[in-house]
């Protein structure tokens, strides 16, 4: 009885039966059986070993012959006569941009161009110019691989891989690309540099996740008031970062790229984990503590309620800047009150006479680092020349970078 061939055992049995009846006379029942078995074996072999996809050069040449095209006719799709020659010779794999153009204009299937029977082109994100990312600088920092022209030619592929390490396309920090009239946004800021840095922070967080999970609502003013006490101990910044890790809040330090102009960011990753990124562009303790607390306030007051990212240039935070964004003001309020309560500040002589002696006295009374008091005095007086020796210059980067 002839049965369908469903697996290797059925296949081997069919071959053995074919050997037995291979010489069956024409017109006999065995000859009919031999014909049917031959069809079944052939179908199974095609299913088990499908015909491979043609190579990309062969597929292009086939369409060139069909459409009667010459190599120069491919320049609009591939970019130059030299690149056309490299693609047709197999020396260069077409970029995604080239593949899309060849698919659209020559009709070559995506699965052939991508050399994957089940492949489709990734969504071509409208409004995002892949080549505007600072690829050379990212490669120099060791964030991505590649150099020279290959970076520009394969910008989309490189960035898609980079974004994938951060958590996928949903990780792209959309707000940094939106133009606003906020006084907290530096007009010289390059959104592509900022986006790349934020993605780097997310990828590092994803590569080394914390053991403890963050519980929404755990960061409030009391939490921050407890955290500020770490400022008075040796290596206070490291102790604070380690303490935050116990509560599922990751703090990552990474050098900034050119044209970023930011101190830090509060990010809710695609994995719904809060991460604080810091550049330490100002290597001072006063800047470190305020930036850390400002970003923590964003987590407690805003990320917990659905926001995804805040990127901050604290140099634009000036006492007379009353028109600042509401959420930035809210983060300022928590940071200021936690680091040094306004009532205590007003009652101490340092608020009127910002001398070194007064700074040290108040720091001792509040059990916090003098740099926090000095930083408040410089900010409130809008005079950043005073107390330069009390702000902890050069005491942070060496701990983390």
Protein backbone atom coordinates (compact mmCIF):
# COMPACT_ATOMS: atom_id res chain seq x y z
CA UNK A 1 0.00 0.00 0.00
CA UNK A 2 1.42 3.37 -1.03
CA UNK A 3 1.56 5.95 1.80
CA UNK A 4 2.52 9.65 1.89
CA UNK A 5 6.17 10.44 2.68
CA UNK A 6 6.13 12.48 5.88
CA UNK A 7 9.61 11.91 7.34
CA UNK A 8 13.03 10.39 6.72
CA UNK A 9 11.88 6.89 7.66
CA UNK A 10 9.08 7.03 5.08
CA UNK A 11 11.58 8.43 2.57
CA UNK A 12 14.09 5.59 3.13
CA UNK A 13 11.31 2.99 2.88
CA UNK A 14 10.13 4.47 -0.42
CA UNK A 15 13.67 4.38 -1.85
CA UNK A 16 14.04 0.74 -0.77
CA UNK A 17 10.75 -0.17 -2.49
CA UNK A 18 11.83 1.65 -5.65
CA UNK A 19 14.99 -0.50 -5.71
CA UNK A 20 12.83 -3.62 -5.47
CA UNK A 21 10.54 -2.76 -8.39
CA UNK A 22 12.86 -0.67 -10.54
CA UNK A 23 12.72 -3.28 -13.35
CA UNK A 24 8.94 -3.74 -13.28
CA UNK A 25 7.51 -4.31 -16.78
CA UNK A 26 5.48 -1.53 -18.35
CA UNK A 27 1.77 -1.72 -17.65
CA UNK A 28 2.15 -3.85 -14.55
CA UNK A 29 0.80 -2.81 -11.13
CA UNK A 30 4.42 -2.50 -9.94
CA UNK A 31 5.18 -0.07 -12.78
CA UNK A 32 2.24 2.13 -11.69
CA UNK A 33 3.49 1.92 -8.10
CA UNK A 34 6.99 2.89 -9.26
CA UNK A 35 5.65 6.00 -11.02
CA UNK A 36 3.68 7.14 -7.96
CA UNK A 37 6.62 6.52 -5.62
CA UNK A 38 8.88 8.53 -7.91
CA UNK A 39 6.52 11.52 -7.71
CA UNK A 40 6.27 11.25 -3.90
CA UNK A 41 10.05 11.01 -3.49
CA UNK A 42 10.63 13.99 -5.79
CA UNK A 43 8.09 16.14 -3.92
CA UNK A 44 9.63 15.23 -0.56
CA UNK A 45 13.14 16.09 -1.77
CA UNK A 46 11.95 19.47 -3.06
CA UNK A 47 10.33 20.18 0.27
CA UNK A 48 13.37 19.09 2.27
CA UNK A 49 15.89 20.89 0.06
CA UNK A 50 14.16 23.85 -1.56
CA UNK A 51 15.79 25.55 -4.50
CA UNK A 52 18.12 28.25 -3.17
CA UNK A 53 17.66 31.95 -3.79
CA UNK A 54 19.59 33.46 -6.68
CA UNK A 55 22.51 35.66 -5.69
CA UNK A 56 21.96 39.40 -5.60
CA UNK A 57 24.20 40.05 -8.66
CA UNK A 58 22.44 37.30 -10.63
CA UNK A 59 19.01 38.70 -9.73
CA UNK A 60 20.03 42.20 -10.80
CA UNK A 61 21.54 40.97 -14.08
CA UNK A 62 18.39 38.98 -14.81
CA UNK A 63 16.25 42.09 -14.45
CA UNK A 64 18.75 44.13 -16.47
CA UNK A 65 18.38 41.65 -19.33
CA UNK A 66 14.62 41.60 -19.02
CA UNK A 67 14.33 45.39 -18.97
CA UNK A 68 17.20 45.91 -21.45
CA UNK A 69 19.17 48.05 -19.01
CA UNK A 70 22.86 48.93 -18.98
CA UNK A 71 25.06 49.42 -15.92
CA UNK A 72 24.75 53.21 -16.13
CA UNK A 73 20.97 52.83 -15.77
CA UNK A 74 21.50 51.50 -12.23
CA UNK A 75 23.37 54.59 -11.00
CA UNK A 76 20.17 56.32 -9.73
CA UNK A 77 19.47 53.27 -7.56
CA UNK A 78 22.98 52.34 -6.40
CA UNK A 79 24.77 55.68 -6.36
CA UNK A 80 27.74 55.69 -8.72
CA UNK A 81 29.28 53.76 -11.61
CA UNK A 82 31.93 52.36 -9.26
CA UNK A 83 29.34 51.13 -6.75
CA UNK A 84 27.26 49.57 -9.54
CA UNK A 85 30.34 47.65 -10.66
CA UNK A 86 31.10 46.51 -7.10
CA UNK A 87 27.53 45.33 -6.51
CA UNK A 88 27.35 43.42 -9.80
CA UNK A 89 30.72 41.77 -9.16
CA UNK A 90 29.65 40.72 -5.67
CA UNK A 91 32.36 42.80 -3.99
CA UNK A 92 29.80 45.04 -2.26
CA UNK A 93 26.53 44.07 -0.64
CA UNK A 94 23.84 46.67 -1.44
CA UNK A 95 22.76 48.88 1.44
CA UNK A 96 19.15 48.89 2.56
CA UNK A 97 18.62 52.16 0.71
CA UNK A 98 19.94 50.58 -2.50
CA UNK A 99 17.86 47.44 -1.95
CA UNK A 100 14.68 49.44 -1.57
CA UNK A 101 15.42 51.31 -4.79
CA UNK A 102 16.16 48.07 -6.68
CA UNK A 103 13.00 46.50 -5.30
CA UNK A 104 10.85 49.48 -6.23
CA UNK A 105 12.28 50.16 -9.69
CA UNK A 106 13.41 46.73 -10.91
CA UNK A 107 10.90 44.57 -9.06
CA UNK A 108 13.50 42.35 -7.39
CA UNK A 109 11.82 40.59 -4.43
CA UNK A 110 12.87 41.62 -0.93
CA UNK A 111 13.67 38.03 0.00
CA UNK A 112 16.23 37.85 -2.84
CA UNK A 113 17.87 41.16 -1.99
CA UNK A 114 17.94 40.29 1.73
CA UNK A 115 18.90 36.66 0.94
CA UNK A 116 16.25 35.29 3.29
CA UNK A 117 13.11 33.46 2.09
CA UNK A 118 11.00 35.01 4.87
CA UNK A 119 12.53 38.49 4.92
CA UNK A 120 10.78 41.79 4.36
CA UNK A 121 12.29 45.25 4.37
CA UNK A 122 12.33 46.91 7.78
CA UNK A 123 10.03 49.89 8.06
CA UNK A 124 11.66 52.92 6.44
CA UNK A 125 11.23 55.43 9.24
CA UNK A 126 9.86 58.66 7.79
CA UNK A 127 11.65 61.80 8.89
CA UNK A 128 14.77 60.10 10.27
CA UNK A 129 17.96 60.72 8.30
CA UNK A 130 20.28 57.84 9.23
CA UNK A 131 23.37 59.61 7.94
CA UNK A 132 22.87 62.51 10.36
CA UNK A 133 23.84 60.34 13.30
CA UNK A 134 27.45 61.12 14.41
CA UNK A 135 28.70 57.78 13.11
CA UNK A 136 32.40 58.65 12.98
CA UNK A 137 32.42 59.87 16.56
CA UNK A 138 30.38 56.89 17.71
CA UNK A 139 32.90 54.57 16.05
CA UNK A 140 35.78 56.47 17.67
CA UNK A 141 34.12 56.01 21.07
CA UNK A 142 33.81 52.29 20.38
CA UNK A 143 30.01 52.30 20.31
CA UNK A 144 29.81 50.91 16.78
CA UNK A 145 32.16 49.22 14.31
CA UNK A 146 33.26 50.58 10.95
CA UNK A 147 35.21 53.42 9.50
CA UNK A 148 35.45 55.75 6.54
CA UNK A 149 32.89 55.54 3.76
CA UNK A 150 31.43 52.29 5.04
CA UNK A 151 29.87 54.21 7.93
CA UNK A 152 27.95 56.56 5.65
CA UNK A 153 27.10 53.87 3.09
CA UNK A 154 25.67 51.55 5.72
CA UNK A 155 24.31 54.16 8.13
CA UNK A 156 20.86 52.62 8.33
CA UNK A 157 22.08 49.08 8.92
CA UNK A 158 24.58 50.24 11.54
CA UNK A 159 22.04 52.36 13.39
CA UNK A 160 19.34 49.69 13.25
CA UNK A 161 21.77 47.27 14.90
CA UNK A 162 22.71 49.94 17.47
CA UNK A 163 19.05 50.67 18.18
CA UNK A 164 18.35 46.96 18.47
CA UNK A 165 20.89 46.68 21.28
CA UNK A 166 18.99 49.43 23.11
CA UNK A 167 15.69 47.58 22.87
CA UNK A 168 14.39 48.06 19.33
CA UNK A 169 12.76 50.89 17.41
CA UNK A 170 10.58 51.79 20.39
CA UNK A 171 13.79 52.84 22.16
CA UNK A 172 14.30 55.82 19.84
CA UNK A 173 13.91 58.89 22.08
CA UNK A 174 11.26 60.70 20.05
CA UNK A 175 11.08 63.85 22.24
CA UNK A 176 14.69 64.86 21.48
CA UNK A 177 13.75 65.38 17.83
CA UNK A 178 10.90 67.75 18.63
CA UNK A 179 11.69 71.43 18.38
CA UNK A 180 10.40 73.42 21.35
CA UNK A 181 10.71 76.96 22.60
CA UNK A 182 11.68 75.78 26.08
CA UNK A 183 14.43 77.88 27.70
CA UNK A 184 15.92 74.59 28.93
CA UNK A 185 16.76 73.42 25.38
CA UNK A 186 20.09 74.59 23.97
CA UNK A 187 19.55 75.96 20.47
CA UNK A 188 22.89 74.49 19.37
CA UNK A 189 21.98 70.98 20.48
CA UNK A 190 22.13 68.30 17.79
CA UNK A 191 19.17 65.93 18.28
CA UNK A 192 20.95 63.08 16.47
CA UNK A 193 23.90 63.26 18.88
CA UNK A 194 21.55 63.38 21.88
CA UNK A 195 19.49 60.47 20.53
CA UNK A 196 22.62 58.38 19.93
CA UNK A 197 23.83 59.04 23.48
CA UNK A 198 20.45 58.13 24.98
CA UNK A 199 20.41 54.90 22.96
CA UNK A 200 23.91 54.14 24.22
CA UNK A 201 22.72 54.59 27.81
CA UNK A 202 19.78 52.25 27.19
CA UNK A 203 21.98 49.62 25.54
CA UNK A 204 24.44 49.64 28.45
CA UNK A 205 21.54 49.30 30.87
CA UNK A 206 20.16 46.39 28.88
CA UNK A 207 23.54 44.64 28.72
CA UNK A 208 24.02 44.76 32.50
CA UNK A 209 20.59 44.77 34.14
CA UNK A 210 20.22 45.25 37.87
CA UNK A 211 19.23 42.31 40.03
CA UNK A 212 16.61 44.30 41.95
CA UNK A 213 13.40 45.49 40.32
CA UNK A 214 12.26 49.09 40.58
CA UNK A 215 8.93 49.65 42.33
CA UNK A 216 7.03 52.67 40.97
CA UNK A 217 6.34 55.21 43.66
CA UNK A 218 9.40 54.34 45.73
CA UNK A 219 11.13 57.65 44.94
CA UNK A 220 9.69 60.57 46.88
CA UNK A 221 11.04 63.49 48.90
CA UNK A 222 11.73 61.33 51.95
CA UNK A 223 13.71 58.90 49.79
CA UNK A 224 15.78 61.77 48.38
CA UNK A 225 16.34 63.30 51.82
CA UNK A 226 17.77 60.00 52.97
CA UNK A 227 19.95 59.71 49.87
CA UNK A 228 21.59 63.12 50.36
CA UNK A 229 23.25 61.85 53.54
CA UNK A 230 25.59 59.81 51.35
CA UNK A 231 27.16 63.06 50.18
CA UNK A 232 28.98 63.45 53.49
CA UNK A 233 30.77 60.09 53.40
CA UNK A 234 33.99 59.26 51.51
CA UNK A 235 33.26 58.33 47.89
CA UNK A 236 29.72 59.57 48.45
CA UNK A 237 28.75 59.53 44.74
CA UNK A 238 29.66 55.85 44.40
CA UNK A 239 27.82 54.99 47.60
CA UNK A 240 24.72 56.78 46.33
CA UNK A 241 24.81 54.97 42.99
CA UNK A 242 25.17 51.61 44.75
CA UNK A 243 22.28 52.48 47.05
CA UNK A 244 20.06 53.36 44.10
CA UNK A 245 20.88 50.05 42.43
CA UNK A 246 19.35 48.27 45.43
CA UNK A 247 16.08 50.01 44.56
CA UNK A 248 16.27 49.13 40.86
CA UNK A 249 17.43 52.54 39.65
CA UNK A 250 20.42 52.26 37.34
CA UNK A 251 22.86 55.16 36.95
CA UNK A 252 25.16 55.03 33.91
CA UNK A 253 27.99 57.40 33.08
CA UNK A 254 29.03 58.02 29.49
CA UNK A 255 31.00 60.78 27.82
CA UNK A 256 28.88 63.07 25.70
CA UNK A 257 29.22 63.44 21.95
CA UNK A 258 29.87 66.71 20.18
CA UNK A 259 27.03 69.25 20.11
CA UNK A 260 25.05 67.63 22.91
CA UNK A 261 25.24 70.18 25.74
CA UNK A 262 23.54 68.02 28.35
CA UNK A 263 24.34 67.01 31.91
CA UNK A 264 22.00 64.10 32.34
CA UNK A 265 18.83 62.30 31.39
CA UNK A 266 16.06 60.31 33.05
CA UNK A 267 14.90 57.49 30.78
CA UNK A 268 12.23 54.82 31.03
CA UNK A 269 13.60 52.03 28.84
CA UNK A 270 11.48 49.80 26.57
CA UNK A 271 11.85 47.19 29.31
CA UNK A 272 10.12 49.65 31.71
CA UNK A 273 13.19 50.15 33.82
CA UNK A 274 14.23 53.64 34.97
CA UNK A 275 17.76 54.63 34.02
CA UNK A 276 19.68 57.81 34.75
CA UNK A 277 22.43 58.78 32.32
CA UNK A 278 25.06 61.33 33.26
CA UNK A 279 27.82 62.93 31.17
CA UNK A 280 29.77 64.57 34.01
CA UNK A 281 30.69 67.33 31.56
CA UNK A 282 31.23 69.54 34.62
CA UNK A 283 33.47 67.52 36.90
CA UNK A 284 32.17 69.01 40.14
CA UNK A 285 30.43 67.55 43.16
CA UNK A 286 27.77 70.26 43.29
CA UNK A 287 26.81 69.56 39.68
CA UNK A 288 26.81 65.80 40.27
CA UNK A 289 24.48 65.93 43.25
CA UNK A 290 22.01 68.35 41.74
CA UNK A 291 21.92 66.51 38.41
CA UNK A 292 21.41 63.15 40.11
CA UNK A 293 18.59 64.47 42.28
CA UNK A 294 16.98 66.35 39.40
CA UNK A 295 16.82 63.15 37.32
CA UNK A 296 15.57 61.14 40.30
CA UNK A 297 12.80 63.71 40.74
CA UNK A 298 11.86 63.20 37.09
CA UNK A 299 11.55 59.46 37.77
CA UNK A 300 9.42 59.94 40.87
CA UNK A 301 7.24 62.74 39.56
CA UNK A 302 7.04 62.04 35.82
CA UNK A 303 8.37 58.70 34.52
CA UNK A 304 6.24 56.88 37.08
CA UNK A 305 3.22 58.61 35.53
CA UNK A 306 3.90 57.74 31.90
CA UNK A 307 6.60 60.06 30.56
CA UNK A 308 9.45 58.35 28.74
CA UNK A 309 12.47 60.65 28.78
CA UNK A 310 13.88 63.94 30.04
CA UNK A 311 17.17 65.34 28.79
CA UNK A 312 18.66 68.19 30.80
CA UNK A 313 21.13 70.99 30.23
CA UNK A 314 21.45 72.35 33.75
CA UNK A 315 23.60 75.28 32.61
CA UNK A 316 20.35 76.82 31.32
CA UNK A 317 18.80 76.66 34.78
CA UNK A 318 19.06 80.23 36.01
CA UNK A 319 17.31 81.91 38.96
CA UNK A 320 15.51 84.38 36.71
CA UNK A 321 14.23 81.66 34.37
CA UNK A 322 10.63 81.73 35.58
CA UNK A 323 9.27 80.56 32.23
CA UNK A 324 10.89 77.12 32.49
CA UNK A 325 8.89 74.05 31.60
CA UNK A 326 6.50 73.03 34.39
CA UNK A 327 7.93 69.54 34.76
CA UNK A 328 11.46 70.90 34.90
CA UNK A 329 10.40 73.25 37.68
CA UNK A 330 8.84 70.33 39.53
CA UNK A 331 12.09 68.36 39.25
CA UNK A 332 14.03 71.42 40.46
CA UNK A 333 11.74 71.77 43.47
CA UNK A 334 12.24 68.21 44.68
CA UNK A 335 15.99 68.33 44.05
CA UNK A 336 16.41 71.62 45.92
CA UNK A 337 14.24 70.65 48.88
CA UNK A 338 15.91 67.26 49.25
CA UNK A 339 19.47 68.53 48.97
CA UNK A 340 19.03 71.61 51.13
CA UNK A 341 15.55 72.61 52.36
CA UNK A 342 14.65 76.19 51.51
CA UNK A 343 13.58 76.94 55.11
CA UNK A 344 17.01 75.94 56.45
CA UNK A 345 18.70 77.91 53.69
CA UNK A 346 16.82 81.11 54.44
CA UNK A 347 17.52 80.90 58.17
CA UNK A 348 21.28 80.48 57.82
CA UNK A 349 23.72 83.40 57.26
CA UNK A 350 25.13 81.70 54.16
CA UNK A 351 22.03 82.79 52.22
CA UNK A 352 23.09 86.41 52.67
CA UNK A 353 26.84 86.03 53.14
CA UNK A 354 28.15 83.15 50.99
CA UNK A 355 31.55 82.83 52.65
CA UNK A 356 33.62 79.68 52.97
CA UNK A 357 33.10 79.68 56.74
CA UNK A 358 29.32 79.90 56.38
CA UNK A 359 29.32 77.17 53.74
CA UNK A 360 31.25 74.81 56.01
CA UNK A 361 29.08 75.65 59.01
CA UNK A 362 25.83 74.93 57.22
CA UNK A 363 27.19 71.74 55.64
CA UNK A 364 28.18 70.54 59.10
CA UNK A 365 24.77 71.34 60.56
CA UNK A 366 22.89 69.63 57.71
CA UNK A 367 25.37 66.72 57.52
CA UNK A 368 25.86 67.14 53.78
CA UNK A 369 28.87 67.84 51.60
CA UNK A 370 29.95 71.52 51.49
CA UNK A 371 29.81 71.42 47.68
CA UNK A 372 26.00 71.22 47.87
CA UNK A 373 25.84 74.39 49.97
CA UNK A 374 28.40 76.16 47.78
CA UNK A 375 26.50 75.20 44.67
CA UNK A 376 23.26 76.61 46.10
CA UNK A 377 25.02 79.88 47.02
CA UNK A 378 26.47 80.27 43.52
CA UNK A 379 23.10 79.53 41.93
CA UNK A 380 21.05 81.82 44.18
CA UNK A 381 23.47 84.71 43.75
CA UNK A 382 23.85 84.00 40.03
CA UNK A 383 27.56 84.43 40.64
CA UNK A 384 29.52 81.37 39.55
CA UNK A 385 32.89 82.88 40.33
CA UNK A 386 32.53 82.63 44.09
CA UNK A 387 33.34 79.56 46.20
CA UNK A 388 35.17 77.86 43.35
CA UNK A 389 37.25 75.84 45.81
CA UNK A 390 34.21 74.50 47.66
CA UNK A 391 32.28 72.89 44.77
CA UNK A 392 34.42 69.74 44.58
CA UNK A 393 36.13 70.46 41.29
CA UNK A 394 37.71 67.36 39.73
CA UNK A 395 36.29 64.93 42.30
CA UNK A 396 33.72 62.98 40.28
CA UNK A 397 34.91 61.77 36.86
CA UNK A 398 37.70 59.71 38.34
CA UNK A 399 35.13 57.68 40.26
CA UNK A 400 33.14 56.63 37.20
CA UNK A 401 34.89 57.36 33.89
